[in-house]
Amino acid sequence: VRDAVWYSHAASLAATREAFSRYLEAASRRGVGLCIENLAENRQGGRTFGASTEDLLEVIHAVGEDALGVCWDTGHGNLNGLDQPAALAQLGGKLKALHVNDNLGDRDAHLAPYMGNIQWKAVLRTLREIGYTGDFTYEIQGYTNALPAARHHRAAAELAELAREMRQAYLDGEFTNKGKVK
């Protein structure tokens, strides 16, 4: 939300709180949880509310500690230049879902893990340390969209294998930066 100067943290928090408050009541009645996703900063130099872990935790506190969780987008975290292990550790038990994708820090490319410069070893280690048990959801259309349709089936099989290897590394606590279990 912009104010007369440019960006208003207070106005952004109030608008986000109001928006979530409307949905949280309906979700609660239906036994559904809601998450707020970390956003990518405005590449034109403006501030984006929800790009930092502090913003996300402030929204959670404002609407009620048990009412809302966080969906962490690894690509957005990388675009923002965040220390993702530190951010994930800060979120701790509030982390409920992951949008797993990679990039080179220059655009939201939605690549498969290990195709960009995210340090997956450190991310997986931190997820294990905080006891993350939520979903591990690929958001990698940038990878699959670039392939010919005839390769989508094989690519999906490779991506499933990569996810299994990353899951196993998480479970075993043994990590390499190539996605392989030691």
N, C-alpha and C. Protein backbone atom coordinates (compact mmCIF):
# COMPACT_ATOMS: atom_id res chain seq x y z
N VAL A 1 0.86 -1.17 0.00
CA VAL A 1 0.00 0.00 0.00
C VAL A 1 0.89 1.22 0.00
N ARG A 2 0.58 2.18 -0.83
CA ARG A 2 1.37 3.41 -0.93
C ARG A 2 0.73 4.50 -0.08
N ASP A 3 1.57 5.34 0.47
CA ASP A 3 1.08 6.54 1.15
C ASP A 3 1.55 7.74 0.34
N ALA A 4 1.47 8.93 0.90
CA ALA A 4 1.85 10.13 0.18
C ALA A 4 3.33 10.13 -0.19
N VAL A 5 4.14 9.40 0.58
CA VAL A 5 5.57 9.36 0.31
C VAL A 5 5.87 8.29 -0.73
N TRP A 6 5.48 7.05 -0.47
CA TRP A 6 5.64 5.94 -1.40
C TRP A 6 5.08 4.66 -0.79
N TYR A 7 5.65 4.24 0.32
CA TYR A 7 5.30 2.96 0.91
C TYR A 7 4.95 3.17 2.38
N SER A 8 3.87 2.59 2.81
CA SER A 8 3.50 2.68 4.21
C SER A 8 3.41 1.28 4.79
N HIS A 9 4.32 0.98 5.69
CA HIS A 9 4.31 -0.32 6.36
C HIS A 9 3.02 -0.49 7.15
N ALA A 10 2.64 0.53 7.90
CA ALA A 10 1.44 0.45 8.73
C ALA A 10 0.19 0.23 7.89
N ALA A 11 0.06 0.95 6.78
CA ALA A 11 -1.10 0.79 5.91
C ALA A 11 -1.11 -0.58 5.25
N SER A 12 0.06 -1.07 4.88
CA SER A 12 0.16 -2.40 4.26
C SER A 12 -0.24 -3.48 5.26
N LEU A 13 0.24 -3.37 6.49
CA LEU A 13 -0.12 -4.33 7.53
C LEU A 13 -1.62 -4.30 7.78
N ALA A 14 -2.19 -3.12 7.91
CA ALA A 14 -3.63 -3.00 8.17
C ALA A 14 -4.46 -3.59 7.04
N ALA A 15 -4.07 -3.34 5.80
CA ALA A 15 -4.82 -3.88 4.65
C ALA A 15 -4.70 -5.40 4.58
N THR A 16 -3.52 -5.92 4.86
CA THR A 16 -3.31 -7.37 4.84
C THR A 16 -4.09 -8.03 5.97
N ARG A 17 -4.03 -7.42 7.14
CA ARG A 17 -4.78 -7.96 8.28
C ARG A 17 -6.28 -7.98 7.98
N GLU A 18 -6.80 -6.91 7.43
CA GLU A 18 -8.22 -6.84 7.10
C GLU A 18 -8.60 -7.91 6.08
N ALA A 19 -7.78 -8.07 5.05
CA ALA A 19 -8.07 -9.06 4.01
C ALA A 19 -8.07 -10.47 4.59
N PHE A 20 -7.06 -10.81 5.37
CA PHE A 20 -7.00 -12.15 5.93
C PHE A 20 -8.08 -12.38 6.97
N SER A 21 -8.40 -11.37 7.75
CA SER A 21 -9.42 -11.54 8.78
C SER A 21 -10.76 -11.98 8.19
N ARG A 22 -11.11 -11.46 7.03
CA ARG A 22 -12.36 -11.85 6.37
C ARG A 22 -12.35 -13.33 6.02
N TYR A 23 -11.22 -13.82 5.52
CA TYR A 23 -11.12 -15.20 5.07
C TYR A 23 -10.88 -16.19 6.19
N LEU A 24 -10.21 -15.75 7.25
CA LEU A 24 -9.88 -16.66 8.34
C LEU A 24 -11.13 -17.18 9.04
N GLU A 25 -12.12 -16.35 9.22
CA GLU A 25 -13.36 -16.80 9.87
C GLU A 25 -14.02 -17.89 9.05
N ALA A 26 -14.14 -17.67 7.76
CA ALA A 26 -14.76 -18.68 6.88
C ALA A 26 -13.93 -19.95 6.85
N ALA A 27 -12.61 -19.82 6.78
CA ALA A 27 -11.74 -20.98 6.76
C ALA A 27 -11.86 -21.78 8.05
N SER A 28 -11.90 -21.09 9.16
CA SER A 28 -12.02 -21.74 10.46
C SER A 28 -13.30 -22.56 10.56
N ARG A 29 -14.40 -22.00 10.08
CA ARG A 29 -15.68 -22.73 10.11
C ARG A 29 -15.63 -24.00 9.28
N ARG A 30 -14.79 -24.01 8.28
CA ARG A 30 -14.70 -25.16 7.37
C ARG A 30 -13.50 -26.07 7.68
N GLY A 31 -12.75 -25.75 8.71
CA GLY A 31 -11.60 -26.57 9.08
C GLY A 31 -10.44 -26.47 8.11
N VAL A 32 -10.31 -25.33 7.46
CA VAL A 32 -9.27 -25.11 6.46
C VAL A 32 -8.25 -24.12 7.01
N GLY A 33 -6.99 -24.38 6.75
CA GLY A 33 -5.94 -23.45 7.16
C GLY A 33 -5.59 -22.51 6.02
N LEU A 34 -5.05 -21.37 6.35
CA LEU A 34 -4.59 -20.40 5.35
C LEU A 34 -3.14 -20.06 5.60
N CYS A 35 -2.44 -19.76 4.52
CA CYS A 35 -1.04 -19.35 4.61
C CYS A 35 -0.84 -18.05 3.85
N ILE A 36 0.13 -17.30 4.31
CA ILE A 36 0.58 -16.11 3.61
C ILE A 36 1.94 -16.44 3.01
N GLU A 37 2.13 -16.08 1.75
CA GLU A 37 3.37 -16.39 1.05
C GLU A 37 4.32 -15.20 1.08
N ASN A 38 5.61 -15.50 1.22
CA ASN A 38 6.61 -14.44 1.08
C ASN A 38 6.62 -13.98 -0.37
N LEU A 39 6.66 -12.67 -0.56
CA LEU A 39 6.60 -12.10 -1.90
C LEU A 39 7.99 -11.68 -2.36
N ALA A 40 8.13 -11.49 -3.65
CA ALA A 40 9.37 -10.96 -4.20
C ALA A 40 9.34 -9.44 -4.10
N GLU A 41 10.47 -8.86 -3.79
CA GLU A 41 10.56 -7.40 -3.75
C GLU A 41 10.31 -6.83 -5.13
N ASN A 42 9.81 -5.61 -5.16
CA ASN A 42 9.58 -4.88 -6.39
C ASN A 42 10.94 -4.61 -7.04
N ARG A 43 11.15 -5.09 -8.25
CA ARG A 43 12.43 -4.96 -8.94
C ARG A 43 12.70 -3.54 -9.41
N GLN A 44 11.71 -2.65 -9.33
CA GLN A 44 11.92 -1.26 -9.72
C GLN A 44 12.34 -0.42 -8.52
N GLY A 45 12.68 -1.05 -7.42
CA GLY A 45 13.21 -0.33 -6.28
C GLY A 45 12.22 -0.04 -5.17
N GLY A 46 10.97 -0.36 -5.37
CA GLY A 46 9.98 -0.13 -4.32
C GLY A 46 9.97 -1.26 -3.31
N ARG A 47 9.48 -0.98 -2.15
CA ARG A 47 9.37 -1.98 -1.08
C ARG A 47 8.08 -2.75 -1.27
N THR A 48 8.12 -4.08 -1.05
CA THR A 48 6.94 -4.93 -1.13
C THR A 48 6.66 -5.50 0.25
N PHE A 49 5.50 -5.19 0.79
CA PHE A 49 5.12 -5.75 2.09
C PHE A 49 4.91 -7.25 1.91
N GLY A 50 5.47 -8.02 2.83
CA GLY A 50 5.37 -9.47 2.77
C GLY A 50 6.59 -10.13 2.19
N ALA A 51 7.62 -9.35 1.87
CA ALA A 51 8.85 -9.91 1.32
C ALA A 51 9.80 -10.39 2.40
N SER A 52 9.62 -9.93 3.63
CA SER A 52 10.52 -10.32 4.72
C SER A 52 9.81 -11.24 5.70
N THR A 53 10.60 -12.02 6.40
CA THR A 53 10.03 -12.88 7.45
C THR A 53 9.40 -12.03 8.55
N GLU A 54 9.97 -10.87 8.81
CA GLU A 54 9.40 -10.00 9.83
C GLU A 54 8.00 -9.56 9.45
N ASP A 55 7.79 -9.22 8.17
CA ASP A 55 6.45 -8.85 7.70
C ASP A 55 5.48 -10.00 7.91
N LEU A 56 5.88 -11.19 7.50
CA LEU A 56 5.00 -12.35 7.61
C LEU A 56 4.63 -12.65 9.06
N LEU A 57 5.62 -12.60 9.92
CA LEU A 57 5.35 -12.87 11.34
C LEU A 57 4.49 -11.77 11.96
N GLU A 58 4.67 -10.55 11.49
CA GLU A 58 3.84 -9.44 11.99
C GLU A 58 2.38 -9.65 11.60
N VAL A 59 2.13 -10.11 10.39
CA VAL A 59 0.75 -10.39 9.96
C VAL A 59 0.17 -11.52 10.80
N ILE A 60 0.93 -12.58 11.00
CA ILE A 60 0.46 -13.71 11.81
C ILE A 60 0.09 -13.24 13.21
N HIS A 61 0.95 -12.43 13.80
CA HIS A 61 0.68 -11.91 15.14
C HIS A 61 -0.58 -11.02 15.15
N ALA A 62 -0.75 -10.24 14.09
CA ALA A 62 -1.88 -9.30 14.02
C ALA A 62 -3.22 -10.01 13.87
N VAL A 63 -3.24 -11.15 13.17
CA VAL A 63 -4.53 -11.83 12.94
C VAL A 63 -4.78 -12.96 13.92
N GLY A 64 -3.78 -13.36 14.67
CA GLY A 64 -3.94 -14.44 15.62
C GLY A 64 -2.94 -15.53 15.35
N GLU A 65 -2.18 -15.87 16.34
CA GLU A 65 -1.07 -16.80 16.19
C GLU A 65 -1.44 -18.15 15.58
N ASP A 66 -2.62 -18.67 15.90
CA ASP A 66 -2.99 -19.99 15.42
C ASP A 66 -3.78 -19.97 14.12
N ALA A 67 -4.13 -18.79 13.65
CA ALA A 67 -5.03 -18.68 12.52
C ALA A 67 -4.35 -18.76 11.16
N LEU A 68 -3.06 -18.51 11.10
CA LEU A 68 -2.39 -18.32 9.82
C LEU A 68 -1.00 -18.93 9.86
N GLY A 69 -0.58 -19.51 8.74
CA GLY A 69 0.77 -20.03 8.60
C GLY A 69 1.47 -19.35 7.45
N VAL A 70 2.66 -19.85 7.13
CA VAL A 70 3.46 -19.28 6.05
C VAL A 70 3.71 -20.35 4.99
N CYS A 71 3.56 -19.94 3.74
CA CYS A 71 4.01 -20.71 2.59
C CYS A 71 5.27 -20.02 2.09
N TRP A 72 6.42 -20.68 2.23
CA TRP A 72 7.68 -20.07 1.83
C TRP A 72 7.98 -20.43 0.38
N ASP A 73 8.18 -19.40 -0.44
CA ASP A 73 8.56 -19.57 -1.83
C ASP A 73 10.08 -19.41 -1.91
N THR A 74 10.78 -20.51 -2.20
CA THR A 74 12.24 -20.47 -2.21
C THR A 74 12.78 -19.55 -3.30
N GLY A 75 12.08 -19.48 -4.43
CA GLY A 75 12.50 -18.57 -5.50
C GLY A 75 12.40 -17.12 -5.09
N HIS A 76 11.30 -16.75 -4.40
CA HIS A 76 11.16 -15.38 -3.93
C HIS A 76 12.24 -15.04 -2.90
N GLY A 77 12.50 -15.98 -2.01
CA GLY A 77 13.56 -15.75 -1.02
C GLY A 77 14.89 -15.50 -1.69
N ASN A 78 15.19 -16.27 -2.75
CA ASN A 78 16.44 -16.10 -3.47
C ASN A 78 16.48 -14.76 -4.20
N LEU A 79 15.37 -14.38 -4.82
CA LEU A 79 15.31 -13.08 -5.50
C LEU A 79 15.57 -11.93 -4.53
N ASN A 80 15.10 -12.08 -3.31
CA ASN A 80 15.26 -11.03 -2.31
C ASN A 80 16.64 -11.05 -1.66
N GLY A 81 17.45 -12.02 -2.04
CA GLY A 81 18.80 -12.10 -1.48
C GLY A 81 18.82 -12.49 -0.01
N LEU A 82 17.79 -13.19 0.43
CA LEU A 82 17.69 -13.55 1.84
C LEU A 82 18.58 -14.74 2.18
N ASP A 83 19.01 -14.79 3.41
CA ASP A 83 19.66 -15.97 3.97
C ASP A 83 18.50 -16.92 4.28
N GLN A 84 18.20 -17.81 3.34
CA GLN A 84 17.01 -18.63 3.48
C GLN A 84 17.03 -19.55 4.69
N PRO A 85 18.15 -20.19 5.02
CA PRO A 85 18.15 -20.97 6.25
C PRO A 85 17.79 -20.13 7.48
N ALA A 86 18.32 -18.92 7.57
CA ALA A 86 18.00 -18.05 8.71
C ALA A 86 16.53 -17.66 8.69
N ALA A 87 15.99 -17.37 7.51
CA ALA A 87 14.57 -17.00 7.40
C ALA A 87 13.68 -18.17 7.80
N LEU A 88 14.01 -19.37 7.33
CA LEU A 88 13.21 -20.55 7.67
C LEU A 88 13.29 -20.86 9.16
N ALA A 89 14.47 -20.70 9.73
CA ALA A 89 14.63 -20.91 11.18
C ALA A 89 13.80 -19.90 11.95
N GLN A 90 13.76 -18.66 11.48
CA GLN A 90 12.97 -17.62 12.14
C GLN A 90 11.48 -17.97 12.10
N LEU A 91 11.02 -18.53 10.99
CA LEU A 91 9.61 -18.91 10.86
C LEU A 91 9.28 -20.12 11.72
N GLY A 92 10.20 -21.05 11.83
CA GLY A 92 10.00 -22.23 12.67
C GLY A 92 8.68 -22.93 12.40
N GLY A 93 7.90 -23.14 13.44
CA GLY A 93 6.64 -23.86 13.35
C GLY A 93 5.55 -23.14 12.58
N LYS A 94 5.76 -21.89 12.25
CA LYS A 94 4.77 -21.15 11.43
C LYS A 94 4.86 -21.54 9.96
N LEU A 95 5.96 -22.20 9.57
CA LEU A 95 6.12 -22.66 8.20
C LEU A 95 5.21 -23.87 7.99
N LYS A 96 4.24 -23.73 7.08
CA LYS A 96 3.26 -24.79 6.84
C LYS A 96 3.33 -25.38 5.44
N ALA A 97 3.93 -24.65 4.49
CA ALA A 97 3.99 -25.12 3.10
C ALA A 97 5.20 -24.51 2.41
N LEU A 98 5.64 -25.17 1.35
CA LEU A 98 6.77 -24.68 0.56
C LEU A 98 6.40 -24.65 -0.92
N HIS A 99 6.77 -23.58 -1.58
CA HIS A 99 6.78 -23.53 -3.04
C HIS A 99 8.24 -23.69 -3.42
N VAL A 100 8.61 -24.85 -3.89
CA VAL A 100 9.99 -25.18 -4.17
C VAL A 100 10.31 -24.87 -5.63
N ASN A 101 11.22 -23.94 -5.82
CA ASN A 101 11.69 -23.59 -7.16
C ASN A 101 13.02 -22.89 -7.02
N ASP A 102 13.72 -22.75 -8.12
CA ASP A 102 15.06 -22.18 -8.10
C ASP A 102 15.15 -21.07 -9.14
N ASN A 103 16.16 -20.25 -9.02
CA ASN A 103 16.46 -19.20 -9.99
C ASN A 103 17.90 -18.75 -9.77
N LEU A 104 18.32 -17.81 -10.58
CA LEU A 104 19.68 -17.28 -10.47
C LEU A 104 19.72 -15.96 -9.71
N GLY A 105 18.62 -15.60 -9.08
CA GLY A 105 18.56 -14.36 -8.32
C GLY A 105 18.23 -13.14 -9.15
N ASP A 106 17.97 -13.33 -10.44
CA ASP A 106 17.72 -12.19 -11.32
C ASP A 106 16.26 -12.07 -11.75
N ARG A 107 15.53 -13.16 -11.75
CA ARG A 107 14.11 -13.15 -12.12
C ARG A 107 13.45 -14.40 -11.55
N ASP A 108 12.14 -14.36 -11.45
CA ASP A 108 11.37 -15.46 -10.87
C ASP A 108 11.19 -16.54 -11.94
N ALA A 109 12.26 -17.30 -12.20
CA ALA A 109 12.32 -18.21 -13.33
C ALA A 109 11.56 -19.52 -13.12
N HIS A 110 11.27 -19.89 -11.87
CA HIS A 110 10.55 -21.14 -11.56
C HIS A 110 11.25 -22.35 -12.16
N LEU A 111 12.55 -22.45 -11.89
CA LEU A 111 13.34 -23.59 -12.35
C LEU A 111 13.28 -24.72 -11.33
N ALA A 112 13.65 -25.90 -11.76
CA ALA A 112 13.74 -27.04 -10.85
C ALA A 112 14.89 -26.81 -9.88
N PRO A 113 14.84 -27.41 -8.69
CA PRO A 113 15.96 -27.30 -7.76
C PRO A 113 17.27 -27.71 -8.42
N TYR A 114 18.35 -27.05 -8.03
CA TYR A 114 19.71 -27.28 -8.50
C TYR A 114 19.96 -26.71 -9.89
N MET A 115 18.99 -26.02 -10.48
CA MET A 115 19.21 -25.38 -11.78
C MET A 115 19.52 -23.90 -11.62
N GLY A 116 19.44 -23.39 -10.41
CA GLY A 116 19.77 -22.00 -10.11
C GLY A 116 20.90 -21.96 -9.10
N ASN A 117 20.86 -20.98 -8.20
CA ASN A 117 21.95 -20.86 -7.23
C ASN A 117 21.50 -20.93 -5.77
N ILE A 118 20.31 -21.45 -5.53
CA ILE A 118 19.88 -21.69 -4.14
C ILE A 118 20.75 -22.79 -3.54
N GLN A 119 21.14 -22.60 -2.31
CA GLN A 119 21.96 -23.58 -1.60
C GLN A 119 21.05 -24.61 -0.93
N TRP A 120 20.68 -25.64 -1.68
CA TRP A 120 19.69 -26.61 -1.21
C TRP A 120 20.16 -27.40 -0.01
N LYS A 121 21.44 -27.65 0.09
CA LYS A 121 21.97 -28.38 1.24
C LYS A 121 21.60 -27.65 2.54
N ALA A 122 21.83 -26.36 2.58
CA ALA A 122 21.54 -25.57 3.77
C ALA A 122 20.03 -25.45 4.00
N VAL A 123 19.25 -25.31 2.93
CA VAL A 123 17.79 -25.21 3.06
C VAL A 123 17.24 -26.51 3.63
N LEU A 124 17.63 -27.65 3.06
CA LEU A 124 17.14 -28.95 3.56
C LEU A 124 17.56 -29.19 5.00
N ARG A 125 18.79 -28.83 5.33
CA ARG A 125 19.27 -29.00 6.70
C ARG A 125 18.40 -28.19 7.67
N THR A 126 18.09 -26.95 7.31
CA THR A 126 17.29 -26.10 8.18
C THR A 126 15.86 -26.63 8.30
N LEU A 127 15.29 -27.09 7.21
CA LEU A 127 13.94 -27.67 7.28
C LEU A 127 13.92 -28.83 8.26
N ARG A 128 14.95 -29.64 8.23
CA ARG A 128 15.04 -30.76 9.17
C ARG A 128 15.19 -30.26 10.61
N GLU A 129 16.02 -29.25 10.79
CA GLU A 129 16.27 -28.71 12.13
C GLU A 129 15.00 -28.13 12.75
N ILE A 130 14.15 -27.50 11.94
CA ILE A 130 12.93 -26.90 12.50
C ILE A 130 11.78 -27.89 12.55
N GLY A 131 12.01 -29.11 12.07
CA GLY A 131 10.97 -30.13 12.14
C GLY A 131 9.84 -29.93 11.13
N TYR A 132 10.16 -29.35 9.99
CA TYR A 132 9.14 -29.11 8.97
C TYR A 132 8.53 -30.42 8.49
N THR A 133 7.20 -30.49 8.50
CA THR A 133 6.50 -31.70 8.04
C THR A 133 5.44 -31.39 6.99
N GLY A 134 5.42 -30.17 6.48
CA GLY A 134 4.41 -29.78 5.50
C GLY A 134 4.74 -30.26 4.10
N ASP A 135 3.98 -29.76 3.16
CA ASP A 135 4.14 -30.15 1.77
C ASP A 135 5.39 -29.55 1.15
N PHE A 136 5.90 -30.24 0.17
CA PHE A 136 7.05 -29.85 -0.63
C PHE A 136 6.52 -29.76 -2.05
N THR A 137 6.05 -28.58 -2.44
CA THR A 137 5.32 -28.41 -3.69
C THR A 137 6.19 -27.72 -4.73
N TYR A 138 6.45 -28.44 -5.82
CA TYR A 138 7.18 -27.81 -6.92
C TYR A 138 6.36 -26.69 -7.51
N GLU A 139 7.02 -25.58 -7.82
CA GLU A 139 6.44 -24.48 -8.59
C GLU A 139 7.46 -24.18 -9.69
N ILE A 140 7.52 -25.07 -10.67
CA ILE A 140 8.65 -25.08 -11.61
C ILE A 140 8.20 -25.02 -13.07
N GLN A 141 7.15 -24.29 -13.34
CA GLN A 141 6.68 -24.20 -14.72
C GLN A 141 7.73 -23.62 -15.66
N GLY A 142 8.67 -22.86 -15.14
CA GLY A 142 9.74 -22.32 -15.97
C GLY A 142 10.63 -23.42 -16.52
N TYR A 143 10.71 -24.53 -15.81
CA TYR A 143 11.49 -25.67 -16.27
C TYR A 143 10.69 -26.48 -17.29
N THR A 144 9.51 -26.87 -16.93
CA THR A 144 8.74 -27.75 -17.82
C THR A 144 8.21 -27.02 -19.05
N ASN A 145 7.87 -25.74 -18.93
CA ASN A 145 7.37 -24.99 -20.09
C ASN A 145 8.41 -24.88 -21.19
N ALA A 146 9.68 -24.93 -20.83
CA ALA A 146 10.74 -24.78 -21.81
C ALA A 146 11.00 -26.06 -22.61
N LEU A 147 10.42 -27.16 -22.18
CA LEU A 147 10.66 -28.44 -22.85
C LEU A 147 9.60 -28.75 -23.89
N PRO A 148 9.96 -29.48 -24.93
CA PRO A 148 8.95 -29.94 -25.88
C PRO A 148 7.94 -30.84 -25.18
N ALA A 149 6.72 -30.80 -25.62
CA ALA A 149 5.65 -31.59 -24.98
C ALA A 149 6.00 -33.07 -24.91
N ALA A 150 6.71 -33.58 -25.89
CA ALA A 150 7.06 -35.00 -25.90
C ALA A 150 8.00 -35.37 -24.75
N ARG A 151 8.68 -34.40 -24.16
CA ARG A 151 9.61 -34.67 -23.05
C ARG A 151 8.98 -34.47 -21.67
N HIS A 152 7.77 -33.97 -21.61
CA HIS A 152 7.15 -33.68 -20.31
C HIS A 152 7.06 -34.92 -19.42
N HIS A 153 6.69 -36.05 -19.99
CA HIS A 153 6.55 -37.27 -19.18
C HIS A 153 7.89 -37.67 -18.57
N ARG A 154 8.95 -37.67 -19.38
CA ARG A 154 10.28 -38.02 -18.85
C ARG A 154 10.76 -36.99 -17.84
N ALA A 155 10.48 -35.73 -18.12
CA ALA A 155 10.88 -34.68 -17.18
C ALA A 155 10.16 -34.85 -15.85
N ALA A 156 8.89 -35.17 -15.90
CA ALA A 156 8.12 -35.38 -14.66
C ALA A 156 8.70 -36.54 -13.86
N ALA A 157 9.11 -37.60 -14.55
CA ALA A 157 9.71 -38.75 -13.86
C ALA A 157 11.03 -38.34 -13.20
N GLU A 158 11.84 -37.56 -13.89
CA GLU A 158 13.11 -37.08 -13.33
C GLU A 158 12.87 -36.17 -12.12
N LEU A 159 11.88 -35.31 -12.24
CA LEU A 159 11.57 -34.40 -11.14
C LEU A 159 11.04 -35.15 -9.93
N ALA A 160 10.27 -36.20 -10.17
CA ALA A 160 9.79 -37.02 -9.06
C ALA A 160 10.96 -37.71 -8.37
N GLU A 161 11.91 -38.20 -9.15
CA GLU A 161 13.09 -38.82 -8.58
C GLU A 161 13.91 -37.82 -7.78
N LEU A 162 14.06 -36.62 -8.30
CA LEU A 162 14.77 -35.57 -7.57
C LEU A 162 14.08 -35.26 -6.25
N ALA A 163 12.77 -35.17 -6.27
CA ALA A 163 12.02 -34.91 -5.03
C ALA A 163 12.22 -36.05 -4.03
N ARG A 164 12.22 -37.29 -4.52
CA ARG A 164 12.46 -38.43 -3.61
C ARG A 164 13.86 -38.35 -3.00
N GLU A 165 14.86 -37.99 -3.82
CA GLU A 165 16.22 -37.88 -3.30
C GLU A 165 16.34 -36.75 -2.28
N MET A 166 15.69 -35.63 -2.55
CA MET A 166 15.73 -34.51 -1.60
C MET A 166 15.01 -34.90 -0.31
N ARG A 167 13.88 -35.59 -0.44
CA ARG A 167 13.15 -36.06 0.75
C ARG A 167 14.01 -37.02 1.56
N GLN A 168 14.66 -37.94 0.88
CA GLN A 168 15.50 -38.91 1.58
C GLN A 168 16.67 -38.22 2.27
N ALA A 169 17.27 -37.25 1.60
CA ALA A 169 18.36 -36.49 2.23
C ALA A 169 17.85 -35.78 3.48
N TYR A 170 16.65 -35.21 3.38
CA TYR A 170 16.03 -34.56 4.53
C TYR A 170 15.84 -35.57 5.67
N LEU A 171 15.30 -36.72 5.35
CA LEU A 171 15.03 -37.73 6.38
C LEU A 171 16.31 -38.27 7.00
N ASP A 172 17.32 -38.48 6.17
CA ASP A 172 18.58 -39.04 6.65
C ASP A 172 19.48 -38.00 7.32
N GLY A 173 19.24 -36.72 7.01
CA GLY A 173 20.11 -35.68 7.54
C GLY A 173 21.46 -35.65 6.85
N GLU A 174 21.54 -36.24 5.67
CA GLU A 174 22.78 -36.24 4.90
C GLU A 174 22.54 -35.45 3.62
N PHE A 175 23.34 -34.40 3.42
CA PHE A 175 23.07 -33.49 2.34
C PHE A 175 24.29 -33.25 1.47
N THR A 176 24.03 -33.15 0.17
CA THR A 176 25.04 -32.66 -0.78
C THR A 176 24.38 -31.57 -1.57
N ASN A 177 25.14 -30.78 -2.28
CA ASN A 177 24.56 -29.71 -3.10
C ASN A 177 24.12 -30.20 -4.46
N LYS A 178 24.23 -31.47 -4.74
CA LYS A 178 23.83 -32.00 -6.04
C LYS A 178 22.52 -32.79 -5.96
N GLY A 179 21.87 -32.78 -4.82
CA GLY A 179 20.59 -33.46 -4.72
C GLY A 179 20.71 -34.94 -4.46
N LYS A 180 21.91 -35.44 -4.29
CA LYS A 180 22.10 -36.86 -4.06
C LYS A 180 22.38 -37.12 -2.58
N VAL A 181 21.85 -38.21 -2.12
CA VAL A 181 22.16 -38.64 -0.75
C VAL A 181 23.59 -39.15 -0.73
N LYS A 182 24.34 -38.80 0.29
CA LYS A 182 25.74 -39.27 0.42
C LYS A 182 25.78 -40.78 0.45
